[in-house]
Protein backbone atom coordinates (compact mmCIF):
# COMPACT_ATOMS: atom_id res chain seq x y z
CA MET A 1 123.85 157.19 84.24
CA ALA A 2 126.93 155.72 82.63
CA SER A 3 128.18 154.79 86.08
CA ALA A 4 124.95 152.94 86.91
CA CYS A 5 125.18 150.95 83.68
CA THR A 6 128.78 150.08 84.39
CA LEU A 7 127.90 148.75 87.83
CA GLU A 8 125.04 146.46 86.74
CA TRP A 9 127.33 143.48 86.64
CA ALA A 10 129.47 144.47 89.60
CA PRO A 11 127.65 143.62 92.89
CA ASP A 12 128.06 139.86 92.76
CA SER A 13 131.66 140.04 91.61
CA LEU A 14 132.57 142.70 94.14
CA TYR A 15 130.79 140.83 96.90
CA ASN A 16 132.60 137.56 96.18
CA THR A 17 135.89 139.42 95.97
CA ALA A 18 135.21 141.04 99.34
CA VAL A 19 134.30 137.73 100.97
CA SER A 20 137.41 136.12 99.53
CA ALA A 21 139.54 138.99 100.82
CA VAL A 22 138.13 138.55 104.33
CA VAL A 23 138.88 134.83 104.19
CA ASN A 24 142.42 135.37 102.92
CA SER A 25 143.11 137.60 105.94
CA TYR A 26 140.76 135.83 108.30
CA GLY A 27 142.85 136.28 111.41
CA VAL A 28 142.76 140.03 110.95
CA HIS A 29 139.01 140.33 110.25
CA ARG A 30 137.65 137.54 112.46
CA LYS A 31 136.55 139.73 115.37
CA GLU A 32 134.70 142.18 113.13
CA LEU A 33 132.84 139.37 111.36
CA LYS A 34 130.11 139.14 114.01
CA THR A 35 129.08 142.74 113.31
CA LEU A 36 128.05 141.79 109.77
CA PRO A 37 124.60 140.44 108.78
CA GLU A 38 124.20 136.75 109.47
CA ASP A 39 123.90 135.75 105.81
CA VAL A 40 127.18 137.55 105.08
CA GLN A 41 128.83 135.75 107.99
CA PHE A 42 127.56 132.47 106.56
CA ASP A 43 129.11 133.26 103.17
CA VAL A 44 132.47 133.86 104.82
CA TYR A 45 132.27 130.49 106.58
CA TYR A 46 131.27 128.80 103.35
CA MET A 47 134.25 130.38 101.62
CA LEU A 48 136.45 128.90 104.35
CA TYR A 49 135.02 125.51 103.40
CA ASN A 50 135.54 126.15 99.68
CA LYS A 51 139.16 127.09 100.24
CA GLY A 52 139.77 123.95 102.33
CA MET A 53 140.39 125.88 105.56
CA LEU A 54 138.64 123.23 107.63
CA ASN A 55 140.67 123.69 110.82
CA THR A 56 139.62 127.33 110.93
CA LEU A 57 136.03 126.39 110.10
CA PHE A 58 135.98 123.78 112.88
CA ASN A 59 137.22 126.33 115.42
CA GLU A 60 134.43 128.69 114.43
CA PHE A 61 131.58 126.16 114.16
CA SER A 62 132.44 124.50 117.47
CA GLN A 63 131.51 127.78 119.21
CA ILE A 64 127.81 127.53 119.99
CA GLU A 65 127.24 131.30 119.55
CA VAL A 66 128.69 131.17 116.04
CA PHE A 67 126.74 128.08 115.04
CA ALA A 68 123.54 129.62 116.42
CA ARG A 69 123.93 132.48 113.93
CA VAL A 70 124.65 130.04 111.12
CA LEU A 71 121.49 128.05 111.90
CA ARG A 72 119.36 131.16 111.49
CA VAL A 73 120.38 131.44 107.81
CA SER A 74 117.68 128.96 106.78
CA ASN A 75 117.79 129.58 103.03
CA LYS A 76 121.34 128.17 102.77
CA ARG A 77 120.80 124.96 104.70
CA THR A 78 122.10 122.70 101.91
CA LEU A 79 125.38 124.64 101.86
CA LEU A 80 125.61 124.23 105.62
CA HIS A 81 125.26 120.47 105.18
CA HIS A 82 128.21 120.56 102.75
CA CYS A 83 130.39 122.33 105.32
CA PHE A 84 129.25 120.19 108.22
CA GLN A 85 129.74 116.86 106.42
CA ALA A 86 133.23 117.90 105.35
CA LEU A 87 134.09 118.52 109.00
CA MET A 88 132.57 115.18 110.04
CA ASP A 89 134.55 113.33 107.36
CA ARG A 90 137.76 114.95 108.61
CA GLY A 91 136.81 114.35 112.25
CA SER A 92 140.00 112.46 113.13
CA GLU A 93 142.02 115.63 112.55
CA PHE A 94 140.21 117.48 115.33
CA THR A 95 140.04 116.96 119.09
CA GLN A 96 136.47 115.66 118.70
CA LYS A 97 133.77 115.41 116.05
CA ILE A 98 132.05 118.69 115.30
CA SER A 99 128.67 117.12 116.15
CA CYS A 100 129.95 116.12 119.62
CA ALA A 101 131.65 119.48 120.08
CA LEU A 102 128.38 121.29 119.44
CA ALA A 103 126.33 118.99 121.68
CA THR A 104 128.84 119.53 124.49
CA ALA A 105 129.00 123.26 123.86
CA PHE A 106 125.23 123.51 124.03
CA LYS A 107 125.10 121.57 127.29
CA ASN A 108 127.65 123.97 128.77
CA HIS A 109 125.68 126.92 127.38
CA LEU A 110 122.34 125.96 128.96
CA THR A 111 123.51 126.59 132.52
CA PRO A 112 121.26 127.18 135.55
CA GLN A 113 122.21 130.86 135.26
CA CYS A 114 121.03 130.93 131.63
CA LEU A 115 117.76 129.24 132.60
CA SER A 116 117.11 131.60 135.50
CA ASP A 117 116.61 134.59 133.21
CA GLN A 118 113.40 134.34 131.15
CA ALA A 119 114.78 135.92 127.99
CA SER A 120 117.97 133.82 128.10
CA ARG A 121 115.93 130.71 128.89
CA VAL A 122 113.67 131.11 125.85
CA LYS A 123 116.63 131.91 123.62
CA GLY A 124 118.59 128.91 124.88
CA LEU A 125 115.70 126.47 124.50
CA ASN A 126 114.99 127.75 121.00
CA LEU A 127 118.64 127.21 120.12
CA GLY A 128 118.48 123.66 121.48
CA PHE A 129 115.45 122.90 119.37
CA ALA A 130 117.11 124.30 116.22
CA LEU A 131 120.41 122.51 116.89
CA GLY A 132 118.70 119.19 117.66
CA CYS A 133 116.67 119.46 114.47
CA PHE A 134 119.74 120.24 112.38
CA LEU A 135 121.77 117.36 113.79
CA ALA A 136 118.88 114.93 113.18
CA GLU A 137 118.41 116.31 109.66
CA ALA A 138 122.13 115.84 109.01
CA GLY A 139 122.07 112.23 110.25
CA TRP A 140 123.93 112.63 113.57
CA LEU A 141 121.21 111.13 115.69
CA THR A 142 123.02 110.39 118.93
CA GLU A 143 124.23 113.99 119.26
CA SER A 144 120.75 115.25 118.39
CA GLU A 145 119.35 113.06 121.17
CA HIS A 146 121.84 114.53 123.65
CA VAL A 147 120.77 118.08 122.79
CA TYR A 148 117.07 117.25 123.15
CA GLU A 149 117.72 115.52 126.48
CA VAL A 150 119.43 118.62 127.86
CA CYS A 151 116.44 120.73 126.79
CA TYR A 152 113.92 118.25 128.16
CA LYS A 153 115.60 118.11 131.57
CA ALA A 154 115.44 121.89 131.70
CA VAL A 155 111.64 121.98 131.27
CA LYS A 156 110.35 118.62 132.55
CA HIS A 157 109.37 120.00 135.96
CA ASP A 158 107.75 123.13 134.58
CA ASP A 159 104.00 122.56 134.95
CA SER A 160 103.00 125.76 133.19
CA GLU A 161 101.29 125.62 129.81
CA ALA A 162 104.44 126.79 128.05
CA GLY A 163 106.57 124.31 130.00
CA LEU A 164 104.35 121.36 129.18
CA PHE A 165 104.29 122.31 125.51
CA ARG A 166 108.08 122.56 125.46
CA ALA A 167 108.50 119.23 127.24
CA LEU A 168 106.11 117.50 124.83
CA GLU A 169 107.86 119.05 121.85
CA TYR A 170 111.25 117.77 122.98
CA CYS A 171 109.80 114.34 123.81
CA VAL A 172 108.30 113.95 120.35
CA ARG A 173 111.57 115.03 118.75
CA MET A 174 113.48 112.55 120.91
CA LEU A 175 111.02 109.84 119.90
CA HIS A 176 111.74 110.58 116.24
CA VAL A 177 115.49 110.37 116.83
CA GLU A 178 115.24 107.12 118.82
CA ASN A 179 113.07 105.56 116.10
CA ALA A 180 115.49 106.60 113.38
CA ASN A 181 118.45 105.34 115.42
CA CYS A 182 116.73 101.96 116.08
CA ARG A 183 116.84 102.48 119.86
CA TYR A 184 113.40 101.06 120.41
CA SER A 185 113.57 100.32 124.13
CA LYS A 186 114.32 103.95 124.87
CA ALA A 187 111.77 105.03 122.24
CA LYS A 188 109.06 103.16 124.18
CA ARG A 189 109.93 105.05 127.36
CA VAL A 190 110.01 108.39 125.59
CA CYS A 191 106.72 107.61 123.86
CA THR A 192 105.07 106.83 127.22
CA GLU A 193 106.34 110.11 128.63
CA ALA A 194 105.07 112.01 125.58
CA PHE A 195 101.56 110.62 125.94
CA SER A 196 101.65 111.42 129.64
CA LEU A 197 102.52 115.03 128.86
CA ALA A 198 99.78 115.16 126.24
CA GLU A 199 97.29 113.93 128.82
CA ARG A 200 98.41 116.58 131.31
CA LEU A 201 97.83 119.27 128.69
CA ALA A 202 94.40 117.83 127.90
CA GLN A 203 93.46 117.82 131.58
CA LYS A 204 94.23 121.52 131.68
CA GLY A 205 91.80 122.02 128.81
CA ILE A 206 94.60 123.02 126.44
CA SER A 207 94.05 122.02 122.81
CA PHE A 208 96.99 121.11 120.58
CA ASN A 209 97.70 119.15 117.42
CA ARG A 210 98.79 115.55 117.98
CA ALA A 211 99.61 114.64 114.36
CA VAL A 212 103.38 114.28 114.91
CA LEU A 213 102.95 112.37 118.18
CA TYR A 214 100.58 109.85 116.61
CA SER A 215 102.81 109.54 113.54
CA GLU A 216 105.96 108.89 115.58
CA HIS A 217 104.03 106.41 117.74
CA SER A 218 103.03 104.65 114.51
CA ALA A 219 106.68 104.58 113.41
CA LEU A 220 107.63 102.86 116.67
CA LEU A 221 104.83 100.32 116.34
CA PHE A 222 105.79 99.77 112.69
CA ALA A 223 109.39 99.03 113.66
CA GLN A 224 108.13 96.47 116.16
CA SER A 225 106.01 94.84 113.40
CA LEU A 226 102.83 95.73 115.28
CA TYR A 227 101.16 96.64 112.02
CA ASP A 228 97.53 96.75 113.13
CA GLU A 229 98.35 99.19 115.91
CA ALA A 230 100.64 101.21 113.62
CA TYR A 231 97.81 101.57 111.11
CA LYS A 232 95.37 102.72 113.81
CA ALA A 233 97.87 105.29 115.07
CA CYS A 234 98.21 106.59 111.52
CA LEU A 235 94.48 107.05 111.17
CA ARG A 236 94.61 109.19 114.31
CA ALA A 237 97.50 111.20 112.86
CA LEU A 238 95.65 111.77 109.59
CA GLY A 239 92.63 113.00 111.52
CA GLU A 240 94.79 115.76 113.03
CA LEU A 241 95.92 117.22 109.69
CA ASN A 242 94.55 120.59 108.64
CA ASP A 243 95.63 123.79 106.90
CA SER A 244 97.44 125.08 110.00
CA VAL A 245 99.85 122.13 110.16
CA PRO A 246 103.29 122.92 108.64
CA ALA A 247 104.06 121.34 105.28
CA ARG A 248 107.03 119.40 106.69
CA THR A 249 104.80 117.79 109.31
CA VAL A 250 102.10 116.97 106.76
CA ILE A 251 104.65 115.30 104.50
CA ASP A 252 106.13 113.20 107.32
CA VAL A 253 102.69 112.08 108.51
CA LEU A 254 101.66 111.12 104.97
CA ARG A 255 104.89 109.17 104.50
CA GLN A 256 104.49 107.16 107.70
CA CYS A 257 100.81 106.48 107.05
CA SER A 258 101.59 105.26 103.54
CA LYS A 259 104.08 102.75 104.96
CA ALA A 260 101.51 101.55 107.48
CA CYS A 261 99.03 101.06 104.64
CA VAL A 262 101.60 99.12 102.60
CA VAL A 263 102.22 96.53 105.31
CA LYS A 264 98.46 96.21 105.79
CA ARG A 265 98.28 95.59 102.00
CA GLU A 266 96.02 98.63 101.59
CA PHE A 267 97.86 99.52 98.41
CA LYS A 268 95.33 101.99 96.95
CA LYS A 269 95.34 104.02 100.15
CA ALA A 270 99.14 103.80 100.36
CA GLU A 271 99.45 105.10 96.80
CA ILE A 272 97.18 108.08 97.47
CA LEU A 273 99.16 109.07 100.56
CA ILE A 274 102.69 108.65 99.25
CA LYS A 275 101.96 110.42 95.97
CA LEU A 276 100.49 113.30 97.92
CA ALA A 277 103.62 113.36 100.13
CA VAL A 278 105.92 113.37 97.08
CA HIS A 279 103.85 116.09 95.43
CA LYS A 280 103.87 118.32 98.51
CA ALA A 281 107.60 117.78 99.11
CA ARG A 282 108.38 118.68 95.51
CA GLU A 283 106.07 121.71 95.68
CA HIS A 284 107.30 123.11 99.01
CA PHE A 285 110.99 122.14 99.06
CA GLY A 286 111.99 121.55 95.44
CA GLN A 287 113.58 118.52 93.80
CA HIS A 288 117.01 118.82 95.41
CA HIS A 289 116.01 118.98 99.07
CA PRO A 290 116.50 116.20 101.66
CA LYS A 291 112.79 116.26 102.50
CA TYR A 292 111.97 115.43 98.88
CA SER A 293 114.42 112.52 99.05
CA ASP A 294 112.66 111.32 102.23
CA ALA A 295 109.32 111.24 100.41
CA LEU A 296 110.88 109.50 97.42
CA LEU A 297 112.45 106.88 99.71
CA ASP A 298 109.02 105.85 100.98
CA TYR A 299 107.63 106.03 97.45
CA GLY A 300 110.31 103.51 96.49
CA PHE A 301 109.18 101.30 99.38
CA PHE A 302 105.62 101.45 98.06
CA LEU A 303 106.69 100.64 94.48
CA LEU A 304 108.83 97.73 95.60
CA ASN A 305 105.93 96.28 97.57
CA ILE A 306 103.47 96.51 94.68
CA ASP A 307 105.95 94.71 92.39
CA SER A 308 106.87 97.80 90.34
CA ILE A 309 110.53 96.88 90.63
CA SER A 310 111.91 98.92 87.71
CA SER A 311 110.15 102.03 88.99
CA ALA A 312 111.47 101.41 92.49
CA VAL A 313 115.05 101.23 91.19
CA GLN A 314 114.60 104.54 89.37
CA VAL A 315 113.19 106.25 92.44
CA TYR A 316 115.83 104.89 94.81
CA GLN A 317 118.55 106.08 92.41
CA MET A 318 117.04 109.57 92.58
CA VAL A 319 117.10 109.40 96.38
CA LEU A 320 120.78 108.47 96.34
CA ASP A 321 121.61 111.23 93.85
CA ILE A 322 119.88 113.89 95.98
CA ARG A 323 121.45 112.73 99.22
CA GLN A 324 124.92 112.49 97.76
CA ALA A 325 124.56 116.02 96.39
CA VAL A 326 123.30 117.39 99.73
CA PHE A 327 125.39 115.39 102.20
CA GLY A 328 128.01 113.29 100.41
CA GLY A 329 130.73 111.57 102.39
CA ASN A 330 130.20 109.14 105.24
CA ASN A 331 126.63 110.11 105.98
CA LEU A 332 123.86 107.97 107.47
CA TYR A 333 121.23 109.00 104.96
CA VAL A 334 123.50 108.32 102.00
CA ALA A 335 124.15 104.84 103.42
CA ILE A 336 120.43 104.15 103.84
CA ALA A 337 119.81 105.18 100.23
CA CYS A 338 122.64 102.88 99.09
CA GLU A 339 121.14 99.95 101.00
CA ASP A 340 117.65 100.45 99.62
CA LEU A 341 118.99 100.82 96.09
CA ALA A 342 121.12 97.69 96.59
CA TYR A 343 118.09 95.64 97.59
CA ALA A 344 115.86 96.98 94.80
CA THR A 345 118.61 96.32 92.24
CA TYR A 346 119.07 92.80 93.63
CA VAL A 347 115.35 92.09 93.21
CA TYR A 348 115.32 93.67 89.73
CA GLU A 349 118.30 91.63 88.52
CA TYR A 350 117.32 88.41 90.32
CA SER A 351 116.48 86.50 87.16
CA SER A 352 119.44 87.89 85.19
CA GLY A 353 122.11 87.12 87.79
CA LYS A 354 123.79 90.52 87.21
CA PHE A 355 124.48 91.56 90.77
CA ALA A 356 127.57 93.76 90.39
CA ASP A 357 125.70 97.05 90.88
CA ALA A 358 123.68 95.68 93.79
CA ARG A 359 126.83 94.46 95.50
CA ASP A 360 128.60 97.80 94.96
CA HIS A 361 125.71 99.67 96.59
CA ALA A 362 125.59 97.23 99.51
CA ASP A 363 129.34 97.49 100.04
CA LYS A 364 129.15 101.27 100.02
CA ALA A 365 126.35 101.22 102.61
CA ILE A 366 128.35 98.91 104.87
CA ASN A 367 131.56 100.91 104.45
CA ILE A 368 129.83 104.15 105.44
CA LEU A 369 127.91 102.68 108.36
CA SER A 370 130.98 100.84 109.67
CA GLN A 371 132.71 104.21 110.07
CA ILE A 372 129.89 106.06 111.83
CA LEU A 373 128.00 103.38 113.84
CA HIS A 374 128.98 100.76 116.40
CA PRO A 375 129.43 97.23 114.95
CA ASN A 376 126.18 95.85 116.40
CA HIS A 377 123.89 98.63 115.24
CA LEU A 378 120.65 97.43 113.63
CA LEU A 379 121.12 99.69 110.61
CA LEU A 380 124.50 98.12 109.90
CA SER A 381 122.94 94.70 110.43
CA SER A 382 120.28 95.51 107.84
CA SER A 383 122.89 96.38 105.20
CA LYS A 384 124.78 93.17 105.99
CA ARG A 385 121.56 91.19 105.46
CA VAL A 386 121.17 92.72 101.99
CA LYS A 387 124.78 91.94 101.13
CA ALA A 388 124.30 88.35 102.33
CA LEU A 389 121.37 87.88 99.95
CA ILE A 390 123.46 89.20 97.08
CA LEU A 391 126.50 87.06 97.95
CA GLU A 392 124.36 83.94 98.06
CA GLU A 393 123.14 84.51 94.49
CA ILE A 394 126.66 85.28 93.27
CA ALA A 395 127.88 82.07 94.93
CA ILE A 396 125.16 79.96 93.32
CA ASP A 397 126.07 81.28 89.87
CA SER A 398 129.81 80.86 90.38
CA GLU A 399 131.64 78.07 88.56
CA ASP A 400 134.50 78.28 91.05
CA LYS A 401 133.60 75.92 93.90
CA SER A 402 136.09 77.44 96.34
CA LEU A 403 134.69 80.91 95.62
CA GLU A 404 131.15 79.57 96.01
CA GLU A 405 131.95 78.11 99.42
CA LYS A 406 133.68 81.32 100.53
CA PHE A 407 130.70 83.50 99.59
CA LEU A 408 128.17 81.15 101.17
CA LEU A 409 130.09 81.08 104.44
CA GLU A 410 130.37 84.87 104.42
CA ALA A 411 126.63 85.13 103.75
CA GLN A 412 125.94 82.74 106.63
CA GLU A 413 128.00 84.83 109.04
CA LEU A 414 126.17 87.99 107.98
CA HIS A 415 122.73 86.37 108.31
CA LEU A 416 123.49 84.92 111.74
CA GLN A 417 124.71 88.31 112.98
CA SER A 418 121.53 89.96 111.69
CA LEU A 419 119.31 87.29 113.25
CA GLU A 420 120.92 87.67 116.65
CA LEU A 421 120.54 91.45 116.61
CA ALA A 422 116.90 91.14 115.53
CA ARG A 423 116.20 88.74 118.39
CA LYS A 424 117.74 91.16 120.88
CA ALA A 425 115.90 94.17 119.48
CA PHE A 426 112.49 92.66 118.73
CA GLY A 427 112.30 89.21 120.31
CA GLU A 428 111.49 85.87 118.73
CA LYS A 429 107.90 86.57 117.67
CA ASN A 430 108.52 89.41 115.24
CA VAL A 431 108.27 89.75 111.48
CA GLN A 432 111.86 91.00 111.22
CA THR A 433 113.12 87.94 113.10
CA ALA A 434 110.99 85.72 110.88
CA LYS A 435 112.52 87.27 107.77
CA HIS A 436 115.98 86.39 109.03
CA TYR A 437 114.88 82.78 109.60
CA GLY A 438 113.60 82.72 106.03
CA ASN A 439 116.88 84.11 104.71
CA LEU A 440 118.80 81.41 106.58
CA GLY A 441 116.44 78.80 105.19
CA ARG A 442 117.27 79.81 101.63
CA LEU A 443 120.96 79.96 102.42
CA TYR A 444 121.01 76.51 104.03
CA GLN A 445 119.28 75.12 100.96
CA SER A 446 122.10 76.56 98.82
CA MET A 447 124.59 74.99 101.23
CA HIS A 448 122.81 71.58 100.94
CA ARG A 449 121.88 71.64 104.63
CA PHE A 450 118.31 70.71 103.83
CA LYS A 451 116.99 69.70 107.25
CA GLU A 452 118.20 72.98 108.77
CA ALA A 453 116.71 74.84 105.82
CA GLU A 454 113.33 73.19 106.43
CA GLU A 455 113.42 74.13 110.12
CA MET A 456 114.22 77.78 109.29
CA HIS A 457 111.39 78.07 106.75
CA GLN A 458 108.89 76.46 109.09
CA LYS A 459 109.88 78.88 111.86
CA ALA A 460 109.46 81.82 109.49
CA ILE A 461 106.02 80.65 108.32
CA LYS A 462 104.79 80.04 111.86
CA ILE A 463 105.79 83.50 113.10
CA LYS A 464 104.48 85.32 110.02
CA GLU A 465 101.14 83.50 110.05
CA LYS A 466 100.63 84.33 113.71
CA LEU A 467 101.45 88.01 113.27
CA LEU A 468 100.19 88.74 109.75
CA GLY A 469 97.54 86.13 109.05
CA PRO A 470 97.63 83.18 106.60
CA ASP A 471 97.21 85.20 103.39
CA ASP A 472 99.90 87.85 103.70
CA TYR A 473 102.61 88.47 101.13
CA GLU A 474 105.35 87.65 103.63
CA VAL A 475 103.71 84.29 104.32
CA ALA A 476 103.55 83.60 100.58
CA LEU A 477 107.28 84.25 100.24
CA SER A 478 108.19 81.76 102.94
CA VAL A 479 105.67 79.21 101.68
CA GLY A 480 107.15 79.45 98.18
CA HIS A 481 110.68 79.00 99.50
CA LEU A 482 109.70 75.90 101.48
CA ALA A 483 107.96 74.53 98.37
CA SER A 484 111.18 75.01 96.42
CA LEU A 485 113.17 73.13 99.08
CA TYR A 486 110.72 70.21 99.05
CA ASN A 487 110.59 70.10 95.26
CA TYR A 488 114.23 70.49 94.26
CA ASP A 489 116.08 68.93 97.16
CA MET A 490 113.92 66.77 99.45
CA ASN A 491 111.58 65.00 96.98
CA LYS A 492 108.52 65.88 99.09
CA PHE A 493 106.41 66.48 96.01
CA ASN A 494 102.95 66.31 97.55
CA GLU A 495 103.84 68.88 100.19
CA ALA A 496 105.60 71.04 97.58
CA GLU A 497 102.56 71.01 95.27
CA LYS A 498 100.22 72.22 98.01
CA LEU A 499 102.62 74.96 99.05
CA TYR A 500 103.11 76.17 95.47
CA TYR A 501 99.35 76.49 94.99
CA ARG A 502 99.04 78.39 98.23
CA SER A 503 101.83 80.78 97.27
CA ILE A 504 100.31 81.36 93.82
CA SER A 505 96.88 82.04 95.28
CA ILE A 506 98.19 84.69 97.66
CA GLY A 507 100.41 86.32 95.02
CA LYS A 508 97.66 86.59 92.42
CA ALA A 509 95.16 87.92 94.97
CA LEU A 510 97.53 90.68 96.04
CA PHE A 511 99.31 91.63 92.81
CA GLY A 512 97.47 90.09 89.86
CA LYS A 513 98.40 87.65 87.13
CA SER A 514 101.61 89.43 86.11
CA TYR A 515 103.20 89.33 89.59
CA SER A 516 106.95 88.68 89.20
CA GLY A 517 107.09 86.13 92.04
CA LEU A 518 104.73 83.78 90.17
CA GLU A 519 107.54 82.82 87.82
CA TYR A 520 109.34 80.75 90.45
CA ASP A 521 106.16 79.00 91.57
CA TYR A 522 105.19 78.17 87.98
CA ARG A 523 108.67 76.91 87.16
CA GLY A 524 108.61 74.86 90.35
CA LEU A 525 105.31 73.21 89.41
CA LEU A 526 106.55 72.60 85.87
CA ARG A 527 109.59 70.81 87.23
CA LEU A 528 107.54 68.92 89.81
CA TYR A 529 105.07 67.56 87.24
CA HIS A 530 107.83 66.61 84.81
CA HIS A 531 109.61 64.77 87.60
CA THR A 532 106.52 62.92 88.76
CA GLY A 533 105.35 62.05 85.23
CA ALA A 534 102.18 64.20 85.31
CA HIS A 535 102.68 65.28 81.70
CA GLU A 536 99.30 66.95 81.19
CA MET A 537 99.82 69.14 84.23
CA ALA A 538 103.37 69.85 83.09
CA MET A 539 102.05 71.01 79.70
CA HIS A 540 99.41 73.12 81.43
CA TYR A 541 101.99 74.96 83.51
CA HIS A 542 104.25 75.32 80.51
CA ASN A 543 101.42 77.27 78.89
CA VAL A 544 100.69 79.20 82.08
CA LEU A 545 104.34 80.22 82.29
CA GLN A 546 104.27 81.38 78.66
CA GLU A 547 101.18 83.50 79.31
CA TRP A 548 102.78 84.96 82.42
CA SER A 549 105.95 85.78 80.44
CA GLN A 550 103.90 87.64 77.82
CA LEU A 551 102.19 89.68 80.53
CA ARG A 552 105.55 90.60 82.07
CA ASP A 553 106.95 91.55 78.65
CA GLN A 554 103.99 93.85 78.09
CA ASN A 555 104.62 95.50 81.43
CA ASN A 556 108.35 95.83 80.82
CA THR A 557 108.03 97.31 77.33
CA SER A 558 105.81 100.16 78.51
CA GLU A 559 107.83 103.27 79.40
CA VAL A 560 108.23 103.62 83.15
CA LYS A 561 107.71 107.13 84.50
CA PRO A 562 107.11 106.72 88.24
CA LEU A 563 106.99 110.47 88.86
CA ASP A 564 104.68 111.32 85.99
CA PHE A 565 101.72 112.21 88.19
CA ASP A 566 100.18 115.25 89.81
CA VAL A 567 97.84 115.78 92.76
CA HIS A 568 95.11 118.40 92.69
CA ASP A 569 93.03 117.58 95.76
CA SER A 570 93.73 118.98 99.23
CA VAL A 571 95.08 116.93 102.12
CA GLU A 572 91.90 117.36 104.12
CA ASN A 573 89.65 116.27 101.22
CA ILE A 574 91.77 113.20 100.50
CA VAL A 575 91.90 112.18 104.16
CA SER A 576 88.17 112.75 104.61
CA LYS A 577 87.28 110.85 101.45
CA HIS A 578 89.51 107.80 101.87
CA PHE A 579 90.26 107.43 105.58
CA LEU A 580 87.71 109.09 107.81
CA SER A 581 84.47 108.22 106.06
C-alpha cells in the first residue's frame, strides 16, 4: 500500500525521464523506437524538437513511413505543427524543405507495385489523403496539391464506386487548395472535373453529400467576384447539411456561406451563419485550435463589413494570437492574420492618424510572405495593397515633404503591382480590379495628379456598378472618394454635392445613421457649403455632424464583447428557418 502511495506522482516524471533518456542516446535506441506505441514515438520526436535536435528530427520526418505514424496521433496535432514549422523555418539548413521532402517521398511511395495490391493501395491512398490534409492545414499549399495530384492520378481511371468516390474526394480537396493558393485558373479546371465526377456518381444512382463541393465552388466564385452565383452555390451547400456531416465540414460551409451573404449585404443571415460557425468551432475544437481561428477570421470579416470596427480588431487579434501559438514562424496563416489585423487597425485608426501598429502588422505579413511565396503571388500583392494604404495616410500626415514624397511613391509602386496582378488573375471587369483603381484614385489625389485620380475613380465606379448594382457599399465608397476629389481639389461643387448625397443615402440604408463612413461625407458637404456661401446648408450639416458624433460616441462607450453570444438552435433548424423556407 505504501508503495502504491509513493508511486502516485511517479508515472509522468518517470515517463518524461525515459523519453529524455531515449533522446539523449537516440542513435542507440532509434531502431527499437518503431516497436513502441505511436503516441510514445511521437513524444520522442517532440522531445527531439524541444532539445533543438532538428537535423535528427528532419531525417526522421522526411521518411514517409515515420511521418505516417506521426499523422495517426491526432490528439497531438498542435504539437506536430510546432515541430513541422520549426523544420520549415530552418529549411535552408537541409537538402530540401521538409514539406517538399514529404511530397516527394509520398510520390515515390505510391508506386505501381504499391497500387497493384488492394491492401497496399488503400493504405497508400489513405496516407495521401492524411498527408495532403496536414500540409494544407499547416499552410504548405503547393506541396499539398502535389500529394493530392499523385493520389488523383492513381484513381482517375477507376470507374468503380469506390474509385469515383476517391477521385471526387481528391478533386474537392485540390479545389480547396487551389482556392486558398489563389490559383484560380487551375481551380476552374479542377472544379469542372469534380462536377463531372459527381455527375458520374449520380448516373450510377449513388447518393452522396455535396456540401463541400458546393461550398468550394462558392469560394471560387467568390474569389472571382461572381457574388450572385457564389450565394446560390452556398444555398445548395446549406441544403446538404445534416447530422451526419462532420463538424469540420459544417463549420467550413457555414463560414463560406456567411461570406457570400456579407457581399450580398444579407447581414442578418451572415450573422446567423458565422456565429453558428464560431460556436461550433469553439464547442468541437476548443479556443486554441486553428479551426477556431478560421471561424474567427471570417467573423472578423463580417464585423468589419457591418462597421463594427473595434470588434473586428479584437477578433482579428485573437486570430493572430491563436495562429502564432499554433504555427509561429514564417507561416502562411500567421501572415494572413497579420494582414487582416493590419487592415482592420488601419480602418479603426483612420481618423486618429495613429498607424504604427497597422504598419507593423502589414510589414510582418509582407516579410513572412516574401520568404515563402513567389514575388508575384496574389496573397503577397494583397498585403502590399494594405501597406500602400497605410503609407499613403502616413505620408499625408507627415510634415517632412521629402518623406511624404518617398512614401507616396512607394505606395504608388505597391498599388500598381497589385493592380497588374489583379488584372492578370481576374481581368478588367472584376470587383478586385475596381478596388485597385479606387485605391490609385485616392493616391493620385494625394499626389495632386487630379485628372488621373478622376479617371481611376470613374473606372472603379463603372465596374462596381455593373457588377454589384448602383446601391452597393463598394459603389458608395468610390462615389464618396470622387466627391472628395471634386470638392477639395477640382472645384466641381455641383457634381460633388450630388455624389455626397448618393454616398450618404447608400451608407445610411445599409448601416444606419451611426455609420462611420458618413463622417467624411458630412464633413465634405460642410466644407462645400461654406466654400460656396450656402450658410444655411452649412449650419444644417454642422448640426448633422454633431448628431452623428453623439451617436458614434454612444456606440464607442458601450463595452464591446464580440464573442459574448451563444447559439442554442441546431444547424438544420437554422438553415431551414432562414435559408430554405
